[in-house]
Every structure is written in C-alpha cells, then in structure tokens.
C-alpha atoms as a PDB file:
ATOM      1  CA  UNK A   1      26.867  85.352  28.401  1.00  0.00           C
ATOM      2  CA  UNK A   2      30.307  85.747  27.889  1.00  0.00           C
ATOM      3  CA  UNK A   3      32.019  87.196  31.355  1.00  0.00           C
ATOM      4  CA  UNK A   4      31.695  91.145  31.840  1.00  0.00           C
ATOM      5  CA  UNK A   5      33.988  93.165  34.385  1.00  0.00           C
ATOM      6  CA  UNK A   6      31.475  94.764  37.496  1.00  0.00           C
ATOM      7  CA  UNK A   7      33.935  97.895  37.978  1.00  0.00           C
ATOM      8  CA  UNK A   8      31.751 100.943  36.873  1.00  0.00           C
ATOM      9  CA  UNK A   9      32.522 102.189  33.318  1.00  0.00           C
ATOM     10  CA  UNK A  10      34.334  99.289  32.343  1.00  0.00           C
ATOM     11  CA  UNK A  11      32.801  97.957  29.759  1.00  0.00           C
ATOM     12  CA  UNK A  12      35.576  94.762  29.018  1.00  0.00           C
ATOM     13  CA  UNK A  13      34.010  91.618  28.379  1.00  0.00           C
ATOM     14  CA  UNK A  14      35.122  88.108  27.463  1.00  0.00           C
ATOM     15  CA  UNK A  15      33.513  88.453  23.921  1.00  0.00           C
ATOM     16  CA  UNK A  16      35.149  91.971  23.158  1.00  0.00           C
ATOM     17  CA  UNK A  17      38.693  91.573  24.783  1.00  0.00           C
ATOM     18  CA  UNK A  18      39.871  88.185  24.997  1.00  0.00           C
ATOM     19  CA  UNK A  19      43.234  88.778  26.132  1.00  0.00           C
ATOM     20  CA  UNK A  20      41.661  89.882  29.417  1.00  0.00           C
ATOM     21  CA  UNK A  21      41.908  87.528  32.157  1.00  0.00           C
ATOM     22  CA  UNK A  22      38.787  88.031  34.099  1.00  0.00           C
ATOM     23  CA  UNK A  23      38.736  87.360  37.783  1.00  0.00           C
ATOM     24  CA  UNK A  24      35.617  86.125  40.345  1.00  0.00           C
ATOM     25  CA  UNK A  25      34.658  88.481  43.584  1.00  0.00           C
ATOM     26  CA  UNK A  26      36.628  86.611  46.284  1.00  0.00           C
ATOM     27  CA  UNK A  27      34.291  83.628  48.075  1.00  0.00           C
ATOM     28  CA  UNK A  28      31.831  85.191  50.862  1.00  0.00           C
ATOM     29  CA  UNK A  29      32.141  82.237  53.088  1.00  0.00           C
ATOM     30  CA  UNK A  30      35.850  81.149  52.591  1.00  0.00           C
ATOM     31  CA  UNK A  31      36.946  84.960  52.332  1.00  0.00           C
ATOM     32  CA  UNK A  32      35.099  87.069  53.477  1.00  0.00           C
ATOM     33  CA  UNK A  33      37.758  89.845  54.483  1.00  0.00           C
ATOM     34  CA  UNK A  34      39.252  89.821  51.135  1.00  0.00           C
ATOM     35  CA  UNK A  35      35.399  90.001  49.697  1.00  0.00           C
ATOM     36  CA  UNK A  36      34.954  92.586  51.479  1.00  0.00           C
ATOM     37  CA  UNK A  37      37.920  94.904  50.565  1.00  0.00           C
ATOM     38  CA  UNK A  38      37.230  94.208  47.087  1.00  0.00           C
ATOM     39  CA  UNK A  39      33.718  95.699  47.015  1.00  0.00           C
ATOM     40  CA  UNK A  40      34.890  98.301  49.128  1.00  0.00           C
ATOM     41  CA  UNK A  41      37.358  98.955  46.359  1.00  0.00           C
ATOM     42  CA  UNK A  42      35.054  98.647  43.614  1.00  0.00           C
ATOM     43  CA  UNK A  43      32.801 101.126  45.415  1.00  0.00           C
ATOM     44  CA  UNK A  44      29.534 100.676  43.244  1.00  0.00           C
ATOM     45  CA  UNK A  45      26.353 101.961  44.309  1.00  0.00           C
ATOM     46  CA  UNK A  46      23.659  99.359  45.813  1.00  0.00           C
ATOM     47  CA  UNK A  47      20.283  98.811  44.384  1.00  0.00           C
ATOM     48  CA  UNK A  48      17.535 101.060  44.957  1.00  0.00           C
ATOM     49  CA  UNK A  49      16.367  99.187  47.903  1.00  0.00           C
ATOM     50  CA  UNK A  50      19.746  99.309  49.810  1.00  0.00           C
ATOM     51  CA  UNK A  51      20.713 102.811  49.689  1.00  0.00           C
ATOM     52  CA  UNK A  52      23.166 103.513  52.179  1.00  0.00           C
ATOM     53  CA  UNK A  53      24.700 100.000  52.196  1.00  0.00           C
ATOM     54  CA  UNK A  54      27.500  98.495  49.887  1.00  0.00           C
ATOM     55  CA  UNK A  55      27.124  96.962  46.760  1.00  0.00           C
ATOM     56  CA  UNK A  56      27.088  92.796  47.517  1.00  0.00           C
ATOM     57  CA  UNK A  57      25.942  90.403  44.766  1.00  0.00           C
ATOM     58  CA  UNK A  58      23.857  87.662  45.697  1.00  0.00           C
ATOM     59  CA  UNK A  59      25.258  85.710  42.759  1.00  0.00           C
ATOM     60  CA  UNK A  60      28.763  84.347  42.546  1.00  0.00           C
ATOM     61  CA  UNK A  61      29.208  84.599  39.092  1.00  0.00           C
ATOM     62  CA  UNK A  62      30.833  88.351  39.170  1.00  0.00           C
ATOM     63  CA  UNK A  63      34.017  89.003  37.705  1.00  0.00           C
ATOM     64  CA  UNK A  64      36.518  91.667  37.494  1.00  0.00           C
ATOM     65  CA  UNK A  65      38.986  92.649  34.506  1.00  0.00           C
ATOM     66  CA  UNK A  66      42.748  92.471  34.989  1.00  0.00           C
ATOM     67  CA  UNK A  67      43.173  95.574  33.754  1.00  0.00           C
ATOM     68  CA  UNK A  68      42.197  96.900  37.187  1.00  0.00           C
ATOM     69  CA  UNK A  69      45.243  95.065  38.208  1.00  0.00           C
ATOM     70  CA  UNK A  70      48.933  97.084  38.616  1.00  0.00           C
ATOM     71  CA  UNK A  71      50.756  93.743  37.120  1.00  0.00           C
ATOM     72  CA  UNK A  72      48.025  92.212  34.866  1.00  0.00           C
ATOM     73  CA  UNK A  73      46.776  89.901  37.135  1.00  0.00           C
ATOM     74  CA  UNK A  74      45.753  89.217  40.870  1.00  0.00           C
ATOM     75  CA  UNK A  75      47.586  88.136  43.695  1.00  0.00           C
ATOM     76  CA  UNK A  76      46.924  85.835  46.599  1.00  0.00           C
ATOM     77  CA  UNK A  77      50.047  87.671  48.837  1.00  0.00           C
ATOM     78  CA  UNK A  78      48.506  90.439  51.475  1.00  0.00           C
ATOM     79  CA  UNK A  79      51.586  92.500  51.332  1.00  0.00           C
ATOM     80  CA  UNK A  80      51.084  92.716  47.213  1.00  0.00           C
ATOM     81  CA  UNK A  81      49.150  95.913  45.414  1.00  0.00           C
ATOM     82  CA  UNK A  82      47.156  93.351  43.284  1.00  0.00           C
ATOM     83  CA  UNK A  83      46.086  91.416  46.547  1.00  0.00           C
ATOM     84  CA  UNK A  84      42.692  94.062  45.967  1.00  0.00           C
ATOM     85  CA  UNK A  85      42.211  95.668  42.666  1.00  0.00           C
ATOM     86  CA  UNK A  86      43.753  99.214  42.740  1.00  0.00           C
ATOM     87  CA  UNK A  87      43.483 100.808  39.008  1.00  0.00           C
ATOM     88  CA  UNK A  88      39.755 102.286  39.925  1.00  0.00           C
ATOM     89  CA  UNK A  89      37.803 104.659  38.098  1.00  0.00           C
ATOM     90  CA  UNK A  90      37.697 106.658  40.917  1.00  0.00           C
ATOM     91  CA  UNK A  91      40.730 106.195  42.295  1.00  0.00           C
ATOM     92  CA  UNK A  92      43.887 108.967  41.040  1.00  0.00           C
ATOM     93  CA  UNK A  93      46.519 105.714  40.731  1.00  0.00           C
ATOM     94  CA  UNK A  94      49.516 105.917  38.664  1.00  0.00           C
ATOM     95  CA  UNK A  95      50.116 102.573  36.942  1.00  0.00           C
ATOM     96  CA  UNK A  96      53.954 103.139  36.264  1.00  0.00           C
ATOM     97  CA  UNK A  97      54.118 104.823  39.807  1.00  0.00           C
ATOM     98  CA  UNK A  98      53.056 101.561  41.527  1.00  0.00           C
ATOM     99  CA  UNK A  99      54.996  99.520  39.512  1.00  0.00           C
ATOM    100  CA  UNK A 100      58.230 100.946  40.225  1.00  0.00           C
ATOM    101  CA  UNK A 101      57.039 100.707  44.558  1.00  0.00           C
ATOM    102  CA  UNK A 102      56.451  97.018  43.412  1.00  0.00           C
ATOM    103  CA  UNK A 103      59.956  96.682  41.936  1.00  0.00           C
ATOM    104  CA  UNK A 104      61.925  98.596  44.562  1.00  0.00           C
ATOM    105  CA  UNK A 105      60.032  96.272  47.268  1.00  0.00           C
ATOM    106  CA  UNK A 106      61.027  93.184  45.415  1.00  0.00           C
ATOM    107  CA  UNK A 107      64.739  94.476  45.936  1.00  0.00           C
ATOM    108  CA  UNK A 108      64.273  95.227  49.238  1.00  0.00           C
ATOM    109  CA  UNK A 109      63.529  91.748  49.947  1.00  0.00           C
ATOM    110  CA  UNK A 110      65.399  89.700  47.478  1.00  0.00           C
ATOM    111  CA  UNK A 111      68.358  91.899  49.210  1.00  0.00           C
ATOM    112  CA  UNK A 112      67.326  90.827  52.872  1.00  0.00           C
ATOM    113  CA  UNK A 113      67.594  87.436  51.864  1.00  0.00           C
ATOM    114  CA  UNK A 114      71.110  87.401  50.241  1.00  0.00           C
ATOM    115  CA  UNK A 115      72.475  88.723  53.245  1.00  0.00           C
ATOM    116  CA  UNK A 116      70.595  86.113  55.533  1.00  0.00           C
ATOM    117  CA  UNK A 117      71.816  83.408  53.849  1.00  0.00           C
ATOM    118  CA  UNK A 118      75.431  84.372  52.654  1.00  0.00           C
ATOM    119  CA  UNK A 119      77.457  81.670  50.804  1.00  0.00           C
ATOM    120  CA  UNK A 120      80.962  80.588  52.221  1.00  0.00           C
ATOM    121  CA  UNK A 121      82.666  81.539  49.167  1.00  0.00           C
ATOM    122  CA  UNK A 122      82.324  85.108  50.061  1.00  0.00           C
ATOM    123  CA  UNK A 123      81.840  85.999  53.458  1.00  0.00           C
ATOM    124  CA  UNK A 124      80.252  89.396  54.400  1.00  0.00           C
ATOM    125  CA  UNK A 125      82.792  91.780  55.379  1.00  0.00           C
ATOM    126  CA  UNK A 126      82.133  92.564  58.940  1.00  0.00           C
ATOM    127  CA  UNK A 127      80.463  96.265  59.161  1.00  0.00           C
ATOM    128  CA  UNK A 128      82.682  98.931  60.369  1.00  0.00           C
ATOM    129  CA  UNK A 129      81.577 100.591  63.963  1.00  0.00           C
ATOM    130  CA  UNK A 130      79.770 103.847  63.687  1.00  0.00           C
ATOM    131  CA  UNK A 131      80.889 106.201  65.772  1.00  0.00           C
ATOM    132  CA  UNK A 132      77.739 107.543  67.927  1.00  0.00           C
ATOM    133  CA  UNK A 133      75.639 110.340  66.643  1.00  0.00           C
ATOM    134  CA  UNK A 134      75.388 113.298  69.440  1.00  0.00           C
ATOM    135  CA  UNK A 135      71.435 113.056  70.213  1.00  0.00           C
ATOM    136  CA  UNK A 136      70.710 116.110  73.110  1.00  0.00           C
ATOM    137  CA  UNK A 137      71.304 119.763  72.521  1.00  0.00           C
ATOM    138  CA  UNK A 138      74.016 119.673  74.829  1.00  0.00           C
ATOM    139  CA  UNK A 139      75.935 117.166  72.927  1.00  0.00           C
ATOM    140  CA  UNK A 140      74.756 118.507  69.316  1.00  0.00           C
ATOM    141  CA  UNK A 141      76.633 121.671  70.841  1.00  0.00           C
ATOM    142  CA  UNK A 142      79.261 120.287  72.049  1.00  0.00           C
ATOM    143  CA  UNK A 143      80.548 118.742  68.570  1.00  0.00           C
ATOM    144  CA  UNK A 144      79.547 122.023  66.541  1.00  0.00           C
ATOM    145  CA  UNK A 145      82.210 123.620  69.153  1.00  0.00           C
ATOM    146  CA  UNK A 146      84.845 120.884  68.647  1.00  0.00           C
ATOM    147  CA  UNK A 147      83.964 121.061  65.005  1.00  0.00           C
ATOM    148  CA  UNK A 148      84.811 124.721  64.712  1.00  0.00           C
ATOM    149  CA  UNK A 149      87.840 124.783  66.755  1.00  0.00           C
ATOM    150  CA  UNK A 150      89.294 122.267  64.603  1.00  0.00           C
ATOM    151  CA  UNK A 151      88.365 124.379  61.463  1.00  0.00           C
ATOM    152  CA  UNK A 152      89.809 127.314  63.238  1.00  0.00           C
ATOM    153  CA  UNK A 153      93.221 125.575  64.024  1.00  0.00           C
ATOM    154  CA  UNK A 154      93.305 124.350  60.682  1.00  0.00           C
ATOM    155  CA  UNK A 155      92.642 127.615  59.088  1.00  0.00           C
ATOM    156  CA  UNK A 156      94.693 130.102  61.675  1.00  0.00           C
ATOM    157  CA  UNK A 157      97.257 128.525  63.823  1.00  0.00           C
ATOM    158  CA  UNK A 158      98.813 130.769  65.290  1.00  0.00           C
ATOM    159  CA  UNK A 159      95.792 133.461  65.705  1.00  0.00           C
ATOM    160  CA  UNK A 160      96.207 135.530  68.871  1.00  0.00           C
ATOM    161  CA  UNK A 161      93.581 137.927  69.008  1.00  0.00           C
ATOM    162  CA  UNK A 162      90.485 139.402  67.555  1.00  0.00           C
ATOM    163  CA  UNK A 163      90.075 143.098  67.345  1.00  0.00           C
ATOM    164  CA  UNK A 164      87.193 145.802  67.307  1.00  0.00           C
ATOM    165  CA  UNK A 165      85.600 148.897  68.335  1.00  0.00           C
ATOM    166  CA  UNK A 166      82.607 149.692  70.179  1.00  0.00           C
ATOM    167  CA  UNK A 167      80.703 152.452  71.627  1.00  0.00           C
ATOM    168  CA  UNK A 168      79.167 154.030  75.244  1.00  0.00           C
ATOM    169  CA  UNK A 169      77.158 156.515  75.036  1.00  0.00           C
ATOM    170  CA  UNK A 170      77.805 159.788  76.712  1.00  0.00           C
ATOM    171  CA  UNK A 171      76.027 163.111  77.674  1.00  0.00           C
ATOM    172  CA  UNK A 172      75.880 165.589  75.496  1.00  0.00           C
ATOM    173  CA  UNK A 173      79.432 167.737  76.412  1.00  0.00           C
ATOM    174  CA  UNK A 174      78.227 172.389  76.765  1.00  0.00           C
ATOM    175  CA  UNK A 175      81.343 173.081  74.207  1.00  0.00           C
ATOM    176  CA  UNK A 176      80.492 172.639  70.496  1.00  0.00           C
ATOM    177  CA  UNK A 177      84.030 171.550  69.385  1.00  0.00           C
ATOM    178  CA  UNK A 178      83.941 168.812  72.185  1.00  0.00           C
ATOM    179  CA  UNK A 179      80.198 167.408  70.965  1.00  0.00           C
ATOM    180  CA  UNK A 180      81.223 167.345  67.072  1.00  0.00           C
ATOM    181  CA  UNK A 181      84.693 164.620  68.369  1.00  0.00           C
ATOM    182  CA  UNK A 182      82.118 162.463  70.086  1.00  0.00           C
ATOM    183  CA  UNK A 183      78.756 162.834  67.850  1.00  0.00           C
ATOM    184  CA  UNK A 184      77.456 159.470  66.148  1.00  0.00           C
ATOM    185  CA  UNK A 185      76.001 159.838  62.968  1.00  0.00           C
ATOM    186  CA  UNK A 186      75.316 155.703  63.521  1.00  0.00           C
ATOM    187  CA  UNK A 187      73.855 155.904  67.448  1.00  0.00           C
ATOM    188  CA  UNK A 188      72.584 159.484  66.912  1.00  0.00           C
ATOM    189  CA  UNK A 189      74.014 160.149  70.353  1.00  0.00           C
ATOM    190  CA  UNK A 190      77.908 161.156  71.747  1.00  0.00           C
ATOM    191  CA  UNK A 191      79.836 158.404  72.479  1.00  0.00           C
ATOM    192  CA  UNK A 192      82.769 157.319  73.355  1.00  0.00           C
ATOM    193  CA  UNK A 193      84.970 154.578  71.967  1.00  0.00           C
ATOM    194  CA  UNK A 194      86.996 151.970  72.896  1.00  0.00           C
ATOM    195  CA  UNK A 195      89.165 149.042  71.125  1.00  0.00           C
ATOM    196  CA  UNK A 196      88.890 145.930  72.347  1.00  0.00           C
ATOM    197  CA  UNK A 197      91.072 142.484  71.790  1.00  0.00           C
ATOM    198  CA  UNK A 198      90.226 139.559  72.732  1.00  0.00           C
ATOM    199  CA  UNK A 199      91.701 135.518  72.666  1.00  0.00           C
ATOM    200  CA  UNK A 200      90.445 132.902  70.423  1.00  0.00           C
ATOM    201  CA  UNK A 201      89.063 131.397  73.859  1.00  0.00           C
ATOM    202  CA  UNK A 202      87.134 134.279  74.527  1.00  0.00           C
ATOM    203  CA  UNK A 203      89.406 135.999  77.412  1.00  0.00           C
ATOM    204  CA  UNK A 204      90.186 139.634  76.702  1.00  0.00           C
ATOM    205  CA  UNK A 205      93.517 140.796  76.675  1.00  0.00           C
ATOM    206  CA  UNK A 206      93.937 144.751  75.140  1.00  0.00           C
ATOM    207  CA  UNK A 207      91.859 147.550  76.207  1.00  0.00           C
ATOM    208  CA  UNK A 208      92.246 150.984  75.158  1.00  0.00           C
ATOM    209  CA  UNK A 209      91.888 154.412  76.770  1.00  0.00           C
ATOM    210  CA  UNK A 210      88.612 156.322  75.725  1.00  0.00           C
ATOM    211  CA  UNK A 211      87.998 158.496  72.610  1.00  0.00           C
ATOM    212  CA  UNK A 212      85.682 160.343  70.582  1.00  0.00           C
ATOM    213  CA  UNK A 213      83.636 158.571  68.012  1.00  0.00           C
ATOM    214  CA  UNK A 214      84.097 160.569  65.087  1.00  0.00           C
ATOM    215  CA  UNK A 215      88.240 159.136  65.994  1.00  0.00           C
ATOM    216  CA  UNK A 216      88.421 156.383  62.965  1.00  0.00           C
ATOM    217  CA  UNK A 217      89.152 152.395  63.836  1.00  0.00           C
ATOM    218  CA  UNK A 218      92.907 152.934  62.197  1.00  0.00           C
ATOM    219  CA  UNK A 219      93.771 155.940  64.182  1.00  0.00           C
ATOM    220  CA  UNK A 220      92.698 154.347  67.597  1.00  0.00           C
ATOM    221  CA  UNK A 221      94.725 151.521  66.955  1.00  0.00           C
ATOM    222  CA  UNK A 222      97.874 153.130  65.818  1.00  0.00           C
ATOM    223  CA  UNK A 223      97.748 156.181  69.188  1.00  0.00           C
ATOM    224  CA  UNK A 224      96.567 152.911  71.526  1.00  0.00           C
ATOM    225  CA  UNK A 225      99.854 151.642  71.843  1.00  0.00           C
ATOM    226  CA  UNK A 226      98.203 148.014  70.526  1.00  0.00           C
ATOM    227  CA  UNK A 227     100.957 148.078  67.475  1.00  0.00           C
ATOM    228  CA  UNK A 228     103.962 147.260  69.413  1.00  0.00           C
ATOM    229  CA  UNK A 229     106.270 143.950  69.706  1.00  0.00           C
ATOM    230  CA  UNK A 230     105.303 143.329  73.630  1.00  0.00           C
ATOM    231  CA  UNK A 231     101.886 142.225  71.991  1.00  0.00           C
ATOM    232  CA  UNK A 232     102.446 140.958  69.068  1.00  0.00           C
ATOM    233  CA  UNK A 233     105.248 138.118  67.690  1.00  0.00           C
ATOM    234  CA  UNK A 234     106.479 137.368  63.952  1.00  0.00           C
ATOM    235  CA  UNK A 235     104.040 135.099  62.923  1.00  0.00           C
ATOM    236  CA  UNK A 236     101.299 135.757  65.178  1.00  0.00           C
ATOM    237  CA  UNK A 237      97.378 136.420  63.042  1.00  0.00           C
ATOM    238  CA  UNK A 238      95.215 139.432  64.392  1.00  0.00           C
ATOM    239  CA  UNK A 239      91.718 138.603  63.010  1.00  0.00           C
ATOM    240  CA  UNK A 240      89.457 141.977  62.267  1.00  0.00           C
ATOM    241  CA  UNK A 241      86.872 143.510  60.382  1.00  0.00           C
ATOM    242  CA  UNK A 242      87.489 145.416  56.998  1.00  0.00           C
ATOM    243  CA  UNK A 243      87.534 148.650  58.818  1.00  0.00           C
ATOM    244  CA  UNK A 244      91.058 148.086  59.903  1.00  0.00           C
ATOM    245  CA  UNK A 245      93.189 148.495  56.787  1.00  0.00           C
ATOM    246  CA  UNK A 246      96.417 148.011  58.792  1.00  0.00           C
ATOM    247  CA  UNK A 247      98.218 145.473  56.787  1.00  0.00           C
ATOM    248  CA  UNK A 248     101.558 147.127  56.390  1.00  0.00           C
ATOM    249  CA  UNK A 249     101.450 148.147  59.994  1.00  0.00           C
ATOM    250  CA  UNK A 250     101.110 144.611  61.610  1.00  0.00           C
ATOM    251  CA  UNK A 251     103.887 143.667  58.807  1.00  0.00           C
ATOM    252  CA  UNK A 252     106.384 145.550  60.583  1.00  0.00           C
ATOM    253  CA  UNK A 253     106.169 143.603  63.562  1.00  0.00           C
ATOM    254  CA  UNK A 254     106.417 140.357  61.685  1.00  0.00           C
ATOM    255  CA  UNK A 255     102.466 139.621  61.742  1.00  0.00           C
ATOM    256  CA  UNK A 256      99.734 139.313  59.827  1.00  0.00           C
ATOM    257  CA  UNK A 257      96.622 140.942  59.497  1.00  0.00           C
ATOM    258  CA  UNK A 258      93.653 138.325  58.596  1.00  0.00           C
ATOM    259  CA  UNK A 259      90.231 140.527  57.657  1.00  0.00           C
ATOM    260  CA  UNK A 260      87.438 139.363  55.112  1.00  0.00           C
ATOM    261  CA  UNK A 261      87.595 139.290  51.489  1.00  0.00           C
ATOM    262  CA  UNK A 262      86.991 142.750  49.281  1.00  0.00           C
ATOM    263  CA  UNK A 263      84.740 143.240  46.608  1.00  0.00           C
ATOM    264  CA  UNK A 264      86.069 146.375  45.814  1.00  0.00           C
ATOM    265  CA  UNK A 265      86.249 146.471  41.855  1.00  0.00           C
ATOM    266  CA  UNK A 266      85.101 143.338  41.385  1.00  0.00           C
ATOM    267  CA  UNK A 267      80.940 142.100  40.772  1.00  0.00           C
ATOM    268  CA  UNK A 268      81.546 138.657  42.551  1.00  0.00           C
ATOM    269  CA  UNK A 269      83.765 137.120  44.908  1.00  0.00           C
ATOM    270  CA  UNK A 270      85.142 133.854  43.916  1.00  0.00           C
ATOM    271  CA  UNK A 271      84.267 130.854  45.808  1.00  0.00           C
ATOM    272  CA  UNK A 272      87.018 130.320  47.397  1.00  0.00           C
ATOM    273  CA  UNK A 273      87.104 133.199  49.013  1.00  0.00           C
ATOM    274  CA  UNK A 274      83.335 133.495  50.275  1.00  0.00           C
ATOM    275  CA  UNK A 275      84.163 130.001  51.838  1.00  0.00           C
ATOM    276  CA  UNK A 276      87.205 131.499  53.773  1.00  0.00           C
ATOM    277  CA  UNK A 277      85.111 135.061  54.292  1.00  0.00           C
ATOM    278  CA  UNK A 278      82.729 132.563  56.011  1.00  0.00           C
ATOM    279  CA  UNK A 279      85.368 130.851  57.938  1.00  0.00           C
ATOM    280  CA  UNK A 280      86.816 134.114  59.766  1.00  0.00           C
ATOM    281  CA  UNK A 281      83.337 135.483  60.419  1.00  0.00           C
ATOM    282  CA  UNK A 282      82.347 132.177  62.437  1.00  0.00           C
ATOM    283  CA  UNK A 283      85.905 132.998  64.407  1.00  0.00           C
ATOM    284  CA  UNK A 284      85.352 136.770  64.711  1.00  0.00           C
ATOM    285  CA  UNK A 285      81.599 136.464  66.194  1.00  0.00           C
ATOM    286  CA  UNK A 286      83.695 135.826  69.675  1.00  0.00           C
ATOM    287  CA  UNK A 287      84.686 139.489  69.807  1.00  0.00           C
ATOM    288  CA  UNK A 288      81.057 139.992  69.335  1.00  0.00           C
ATOM    289  CA  UNK A 289      79.826 138.004  72.474  1.00  0.00           C
ATOM    290  CA  UNK A 290      82.457 139.237  74.241  1.00  0.00           C
ATOM    291  CA  UNK A 291      80.971 142.932  73.727  1.00  0.00           C
ATOM    292  CA  UNK A 292      77.832 141.833  74.430  1.00  0.00           C
ATOM    293  CA  UNK A 293      78.700 140.348  77.936  1.00  0.00           C
ATOM    294  CA  UNK A 294      80.665 143.024  78.819  1.00  0.00           C
ATOM    295  CA  UNK A 295      78.119 146.253  78.123  1.00  0.00           C
ATOM    296  CA  UNK A 296      74.863 143.054  79.067  1.00  0.00           C
ATOM    297  CA  UNK A 297      76.024 141.998  82.704  1.00  0.00           C
ATOM    298  CA  UNK A 298      77.617 145.901  83.528  1.00  0.00           C
ATOM    299  CA  UNK A 299      74.444 148.239  83.340  1.00  0.00           C
ATOM    300  CA  UNK A 300      76.494 151.245  84.453  1.00  0.00           C
ATOM    301  CA  UNK A 301      77.515 151.401  80.855  1.00  0.00           C
ATOM    302  CA  UNK A 302      74.149 151.568  78.996  1.00  0.00           C
ATOM    303  CA  UNK A 303      74.678 154.942  79.422  1.00  0.00           C
ATOM    304  CA  UNK A 304      74.490 158.013  79.314  1.00  0.00           C
ATOM    305  CA  UNK A 305      78.074 158.411  81.103  1.00  0.00           C
ATOM    306  CA  UNK A 306      77.550 161.738  83.296  1.00  0.00           C
ATOM    307  CA  UNK A 307      80.583 164.029  81.775  1.00  0.00           C
ATOM    308  CA  UNK A 308      82.073 164.053  85.325  1.00  0.00           C
ATOM    309  CA  UNK A 309      83.056 160.896  84.746  1.00  0.00           C
ATOM    310  CA  UNK A 310      84.675 161.392  81.338  1.00  0.00           C
ATOM    311  CA  UNK A 311      86.250 164.917  81.965  1.00  0.00           C
ATOM    312  CA  UNK A 312      86.728 166.638  85.483  1.00  0.00           C
ATOM    313  CA  UNK A 313      88.215 169.555  87.000  1.00  0.00           C
ATOM    314  CA  UNK A 314      89.897 167.634  89.326  1.00  0.00           C
ATOM    315  CA  UNK A 315      91.114 165.248  86.965  1.00  0.00           C
ATOM    316  CA  UNK A 316      92.806 168.104  85.473  1.00  0.00           C
ATOM    317  CA  UNK A 317      93.736 169.816  88.512  1.00  0.00           C
ATOM    318  CA  UNK A 318      95.871 166.537  89.235  1.00  0.00           C
ATOM    319  CA  UNK A 319      97.279 165.989  85.996  1.00  0.00           C
ATOM    320  CA  UNK A 320      95.344 162.087  86.236  1.00  0.00           C
ATOM    321  CA  UNK A 321      96.094 160.412  82.816  1.00  0.00           C
ATOM    322  CA  UNK A 322      93.675 158.079  82.913  1.00  0.00           C
ATOM    323  CA  UNK A 323      89.782 159.239  83.035  1.00  0.00           C
ATOM    324  CA  UNK A 324      87.524 157.563  85.808  1.00  0.00           C
ATOM    325  CA  UNK A 325      85.072 156.204  82.753  1.00  0.00           C
ATOM    326  CA  UNK A 326      88.116 154.568  81.726  1.00  0.00           C
ATOM    327  CA  UNK A 327      88.624 152.609  85.062  1.00  0.00           C
ATOM    328  CA  UNK A 328      85.374 151.624  85.088  1.00  0.00           C
ATOM    329  CA  UNK A 329      85.264 150.114  81.501  1.00  0.00           C
ATOM    330  CA  UNK A 330      88.475 148.303  82.667  1.00  0.00           C
ATOM    331  CA  UNK A 331      87.383 146.867  86.242  1.00  0.00           C
ATOM    332  CA  UNK A 332      84.206 146.110  84.317  1.00  0.00           C
ATOM    333  CA  UNK A 333      86.823 143.848  81.426  1.00  0.00           C
ATOM    334  CA  UNK A 334      88.805 142.212  84.274  1.00  0.00           C
ATOM    335  CA  UNK A 335      85.591 140.888  85.579  1.00  0.00           C
ATOM    336  CA  UNK A 336      84.544 139.461  82.228  1.00  0.00           C
ATOM    337  CA  UNK A 337      87.190 137.784  82.266  1.00  0.00           C
ATOM    338  CA  UNK A 338      86.761 136.016  85.523  1.00  0.00           C
ATOM    339  CA  UNK A 339      84.083 134.563  84.976  1.00  0.00           C
ATOM    340  CA  UNK A 340      83.199 131.626  82.687  1.00  0.00           C
ATOM    341  CA  UNK A 341      84.250 132.297  79.066  1.00  0.00           C
ATOM    342  CA  UNK A 342      81.882 133.214  76.011  1.00  0.00           C
ATOM    343  CA  UNK A 343      83.419 130.891  73.851  1.00  0.00           C
ATOM    344  CA  UNK A 344      82.894 127.663  75.728  1.00  0.00           C
END
C-alpha cells in the first residue's frame, strides 16, 4: 500500500504523486511536543469512541505530504515556518506571503551575522551619535517651540509687530445713530473695537482707543496713530490678516506689511504660497493668544460695559480725551505684560 497523506481532503499518495515527499508524524517518545503541534495543526477528527479529544493515531506509519509545507520540505529548526505543516485546508495561509517573510527573516539573520563578524579589510564605520529624542510632553513642546522660532527667524527676521482687532460688548446706546455705529452683525450686539499689536515674544506693544465696531480695521489703523515713524523703522515687518489692506501706507514708512495670500481671481493657490500662508498663520496665532488671555483673565471685559464708562457727561464737561473704558482696557493690557508670556 503506497504512502498517503493524512490531512483532511488531501488525496495525495506516493503512487499518484511520485514527485512529492511524505514525512512521518514525529515520534511519540522522542518528540512528543512536536508531535502534539503537528496533530493540533492537522486538526483531524477523532474516531467515534473518542469524541472531544484530538486525533492521535496509534500506528507510526502516518504521513504528511510536502504540499503542506511552505518550502516543500519539513525543517528541524523551531523558528522555521516548516517546523510544523501550515498549508492546511482549514487555515488561510498565503504561501507567497509566507515565503516572503522567510526571505526577509533570512536577510535579517544574514545581516546580523555579517556585522557580528567584520573583516579586517573593510572595517565598519563608527555609527554617529544621534541626538536624544524628546520623550516627555514638556520636552516635545519645547522642541516644537524652538522649531517654530527658528522657522520664524528664517522667514521673517525683521518681524516687529503682529496686529489685529478685538471687540468688547457695551450697553446699547439710546440714540439710534450711536447704536448704528456700534452694532456688530457678527456679535449681534453693540461693541467697542480696539486695535492691538504685540511683539512675536507675546508682549503687547500698542493698544488704540475704543472705536465703534462699524469702523473698519483700515480706518482704525490710520486714525489710531499706529502709522508713525516712532513705532516703525525702515525694514520692519508687520504681520496682519487679510482685512488690513495697508501695503502702501506701511511702504511710505519703509516697513513691509506681511499678509496671507489671496485667492482673488484664482481657483487655487500655488503650493509655495500655501506653505508660506501656513507659516504666517502659525506666527499670527500669537496675537490670538494674547487677546484670549486679555479677555479671559479679566472678566470685566466680558461685558456688557455700562454706558457711563463708555461716555459720561462728567467726561464731556471736563473735556477728557480718554474714556473710562479705555483706561480699563489699557490697565488690563499692562497687567498682561507683567505676567508670564503666552508664547513660552
């Protein structure tokens, strides 16, 4: 009787398939653990009298053909995939994938061997010392901040100011003309608007007087005194949002206004302008943080500010140029400067 494979649904035998090799199950006495692994891998049903137990033939003449091994033959290496049969009907094992894994493992082992035994003709080059990678959250934040600062110095070496406007809610004026000048369609409330400028380090360097929110950003910059040679020198860079269309006004002072790119007349921005706009936004976020600290730390600015602090008869009688609300905002800004920087 020819040798035949014991795997379920496999009809290979030595007579029909002389090109195949047939391997006996490992010996019960000399290799009990390996035999148990083979039996578990084959997963053949036991006889009717041994229900619930693994199939374990008594005879030693039980074979597995070479079709159920990745390389076509068994291996005595425990780390080799052919230490036990793996290409079985009830297992979804890809032969090509298994071969590729075996080849990669062999390459890795070969690389370890060659590096462990260097020759005198070609000595290995010393591995350069790699910098320590940040592990804690504080170290990662510090590394990210240093990278952003280096990128900022590279892109905008003469950046002196980042400007923006913010609004504070006030009580509704009784006069309709005053209410029309202060009503904000965005806030759905009457507000006072301020121009604020900060240094890239997070220090507030300029704060205007209060204006009705209907005043445009361009008008406030021109009338607040920010366009002055006492604040800007030739070569300075001022970072602003797209609403501050003041390129010519700053050019008169020799300064350069930096703004994100416009998509006006174009369907899409070039890749270079997109990257530059991303860098500008990463730096401009500092002014947003400063405004957030200013309004979040001093809840008097949450509003609505009473009208007697915005405009009072006593102020008019005494011809005061600065309203009480302006004094409050300026004192809050000074206290922000005295605290730790929001950038660090």
